[in-house]
Amino acid sequence: MRYQRNELPALLDQINASGYGLTLGVHTRIDETISQVVSTAKVGNMYVNRNIVGAVVGVQPFGGEGLSGTGPKAGGPLYLYRLLSQRPQDAVVQQLRSDAPDATPAQLPATQSKAFAALCEWAAKGVLSWQSRPRNLQHWRKAVSANYCLARLASVTRIA
């Protein structure tokens, strides 16, 4: 899609308003345009000055923003569990505990990784409507422990 430079803010607003945000690619030599797109677009994967292919369809989970993708991106510490026919029952909790192996459940929220904390913070805001999911992110508002948050994450992203 080609657009006039002065139309970029409106175009980004239209993209963000769609509710979907899997992938966005932009080709430009103008640093200000790159900065504006990167800071404004709400997408799971952004490519600047390169093609927008990467994950293998049907093999790697492909994360997106909003109503796009499966949630987690390809890679990361929990990625391989999605490829197993069975996984350890406490795999998600154990991954979180790796930051603080001796922490009690009440202490876990204080020791969680920054990325996990950001995920829980985002989910608590209730940014999107997830009513069509069996267990939805709205329940995270009541989360009082990392274990509760992880259980909801597992149900939404179908880790189990």
Protein backbone atom coordinates (compact mmCIF):
# COMPACT_ATOMS: atom_id res chain seq x y z
CA MET A 1 0.00 0.00 0.00
CA ARG A 2 1.31 3.42 -0.88
CA TYR A 3 0.32 6.50 1.07
CA GLN A 4 1.13 10.18 1.19
CA ARG A 5 3.47 11.16 4.02
CA ASN A 6 0.89 13.51 5.54
CA GLU A 7 -1.63 10.62 5.63
CA LEU A 8 0.56 8.37 7.81
CA PRO A 9 -1.05 9.30 11.17
CA ALA A 10 -4.55 8.57 9.82
CA LEU A 11 -3.34 5.31 8.26
CA LEU A 12 -1.81 4.16 11.57
CA ASP A 13 -5.05 5.08 13.37
CA GLN A 14 -7.03 2.94 10.89
CA ILE A 15 -4.66 0.01 11.37
CA ASN A 16 -4.87 0.27 15.17
CA ALA A 17 -8.67 0.64 15.11
CA SER A 18 -9.10 -2.60 13.15
CA GLY A 19 -8.56 -4.72 16.28
CA TYR A 20 -6.04 -6.88 14.43
CA GLY A 21 -2.30 -6.51 14.57
CA LEU A 22 -0.36 -9.53 13.41
CA THR A 23 2.36 -8.07 11.20
CA LEU A 24 3.28 -4.69 9.76
CA GLY A 25 6.10 -3.89 7.39
CA VAL A 26 7.38 -0.49 6.38
CA HIS A 27 10.01 0.45 3.82
CA THR A 28 11.47 3.92 4.18
CA ARG A 29 14.74 5.81 4.41
CA ILE A 30 13.28 8.47 6.68
CA ASP A 31 14.20 7.93 10.34
CA GLU A 32 11.24 9.98 11.59
CA THR A 33 8.81 7.73 9.68
CA ILE A 34 10.38 4.62 11.19
CA SER A 35 10.16 6.15 14.66
CA GLN A 36 6.52 7.16 14.17
CA VAL A 37 5.44 3.75 12.88
CA VAL A 38 7.36 1.80 15.53
CA SER A 39 6.02 3.92 18.39
CA THR A 40 2.41 4.07 17.15
CA ALA A 41 1.49 0.80 15.43
CA LYS A 42 -0.03 -1.85 17.70
CA VAL A 43 1.19 -5.03 16.07
CA GLY A 44 2.85 -8.22 17.24
CA ASN A 45 5.57 -8.26 14.60
CA MET A 46 7.06 -5.25 12.85
CA TYR A 47 9.54 -5.33 10.02
CA VAL A 48 11.47 -2.27 8.86
CA ASN A 49 13.06 -2.36 5.41
CA ARG A 50 12.79 -6.14 4.99
CA ASN A 51 10.29 -8.76 3.89
CA ILE A 52 7.59 -9.77 6.36
CA VAL A 53 7.90 -13.54 6.33
CA GLY A 54 9.40 -15.50 9.17
CA ALA A 55 7.50 -18.12 11.16
CA VAL A 56 6.67 -21.43 9.48
CA VAL A 57 2.88 -21.80 9.21
CA GLY A 58 1.53 -24.72 11.21
CA VAL A 59 4.87 -25.32 12.89
CA GLN A 60 5.71 -22.26 14.95
CA PRO A 61 3.18 -20.28 16.99
CA PHE A 62 2.98 -16.78 15.57
CA GLY A 63 2.14 -14.00 17.98
CA GLY A 64 0.09 -10.96 17.24
CA GLU A 65 -1.57 -8.02 18.92
CA GLY A 66 -5.27 -7.85 19.59
CA LEU A 67 -7.35 -10.41 17.73
CA SER A 68 -4.42 -11.72 15.66
CA GLY A 69 -2.16 -14.70 16.11
CA THR A 70 -1.94 -17.35 18.78
CA GLY A 71 -0.48 -15.13 21.47
CA PRO A 72 3.10 -16.21 22.19
CA LYS A 73 5.66 -15.73 19.48
CA ALA A 74 7.91 -18.43 18.12
CA GLY A 75 10.80 -19.02 20.48
CA GLY A 76 11.11 -18.19 24.15
CA PRO A 77 11.42 -20.43 27.20
CA LEU A 78 7.90 -21.93 26.96
CA TYR A 79 7.87 -22.44 23.19
CA LEU A 80 8.93 -26.10 23.09
CA TYR A 81 6.20 -27.18 25.51
CA ARG A 82 3.62 -26.31 22.83
CA LEU A 83 5.15 -28.91 20.52
CA LEU A 84 4.92 -31.79 23.01
CA SER A 85 1.99 -34.17 23.16
CA GLN A 86 2.33 -33.96 26.93
CA ARG A 87 4.14 -31.48 29.11
CA PRO A 88 5.02 -31.48 32.79
CA GLN A 89 1.97 -30.32 34.77
CA ASP A 90 3.90 -27.57 36.48
CA ALA A 91 6.01 -26.46 33.49
CA VAL A 92 4.70 -22.91 33.40
CA VAL A 93 5.01 -22.41 37.16
CA GLN A 94 8.51 -23.91 37.17
CA GLN A 95 9.60 -21.51 34.43
CA LEU A 96 8.43 -18.58 36.51
CA ARG A 97 10.05 -20.05 39.61
CA SER A 98 13.42 -20.19 37.82
CA ASP A 99 13.79 -16.50 38.71
CA ALA A 100 13.33 -17.30 42.42
CA PRO A 101 13.55 -21.05 43.11
CA ASP A 102 12.98 -20.71 46.88
CA ALA A 103 10.11 -18.21 46.73
CA THR A 104 6.76 -19.03 48.27
CA PRO A 105 3.64 -18.53 46.09
CA ALA A 106 2.97 -15.24 47.89
CA GLN A 107 6.49 -14.01 47.03
CA LEU A 108 6.38 -14.97 43.34
CA PRO A 109 4.78 -11.76 42.03
CA ALA A 110 7.69 -9.75 43.46
CA THR A 111 10.25 -11.98 41.73
CA GLN A 112 8.62 -12.44 38.34
CA SER A 113 10.43 -11.43 35.19
CA LYS A 114 9.86 -7.98 33.73
CA ALA A 115 8.29 -9.48 30.61
CA PHE A 116 5.83 -11.54 32.65
CA ALA A 117 5.01 -8.53 34.82
CA ALA A 118 4.33 -6.47 31.69
CA LEU A 119 2.06 -9.22 30.35
CA CYS A 120 0.06 -9.34 33.59
CA GLU A 121 -0.17 -5.54 33.66
CA TRP A 122 -1.45 -5.48 30.07
CA ALA A 123 -3.98 -8.22 30.78
CA ALA A 124 -5.23 -6.45 33.91
CA LYS A 125 -6.09 -3.37 31.85
CA GLY A 126 -8.72 -5.35 29.92
CA VAL A 127 -7.67 -3.60 26.71
CA LEU A 128 -9.64 -5.94 24.44
CA SER A 129 -12.83 -7.92 24.70
CA TRP A 130 -12.06 -11.62 25.10
CA GLN A 131 -15.60 -12.83 25.87
CA SER A 132 -15.41 -15.46 23.13
CA ARG A 133 -12.63 -17.31 24.96
CA PRO A 134 -13.50 -20.10 27.44
CA ARG A 135 -11.57 -18.33 30.17
CA ASN A 136 -10.81 -14.75 29.46
CA LEU A 137 -8.22 -12.16 30.30
CA GLN A 138 -10.80 -10.10 32.17
CA HIS A 139 -10.37 -12.56 35.06
CA TRP A 140 -6.76 -11.43 35.45
CA ARG A 141 -8.00 -8.26 37.10
CA LYS A 142 -8.62 -10.39 40.19
CA ALA A 143 -5.22 -12.09 40.07
CA VAL A 144 -3.58 -12.19 43.48
CA SER A 145 -0.68 -14.49 42.72
CA ALA A 146 1.60 -15.47 39.87
CA ASN A 147 0.11 -18.97 39.90
CA TYR A 148 -3.39 -17.60 39.25
CA CYS A 149 -2.08 -15.42 36.42
CA LEU A 150 -0.19 -18.34 34.89
CA ALA A 151 -3.23 -20.60 35.02
CA ARG A 152 -5.25 -18.04 33.09
CA LEU A 153 -2.40 -17.52 30.62
CA ALA A 154 -2.29 -21.26 29.99
CA SER A 155 -6.03 -21.41 29.31
CA VAL A 156 -6.06 -18.44 26.95
CA THR A 157 -3.00 -19.45 24.94
CA ARG A 158 -3.92 -23.13 25.00
CA ILE A 159 -0.61 -24.17 26.58
CA ALA A 160 -2.32 -27.04 28.37
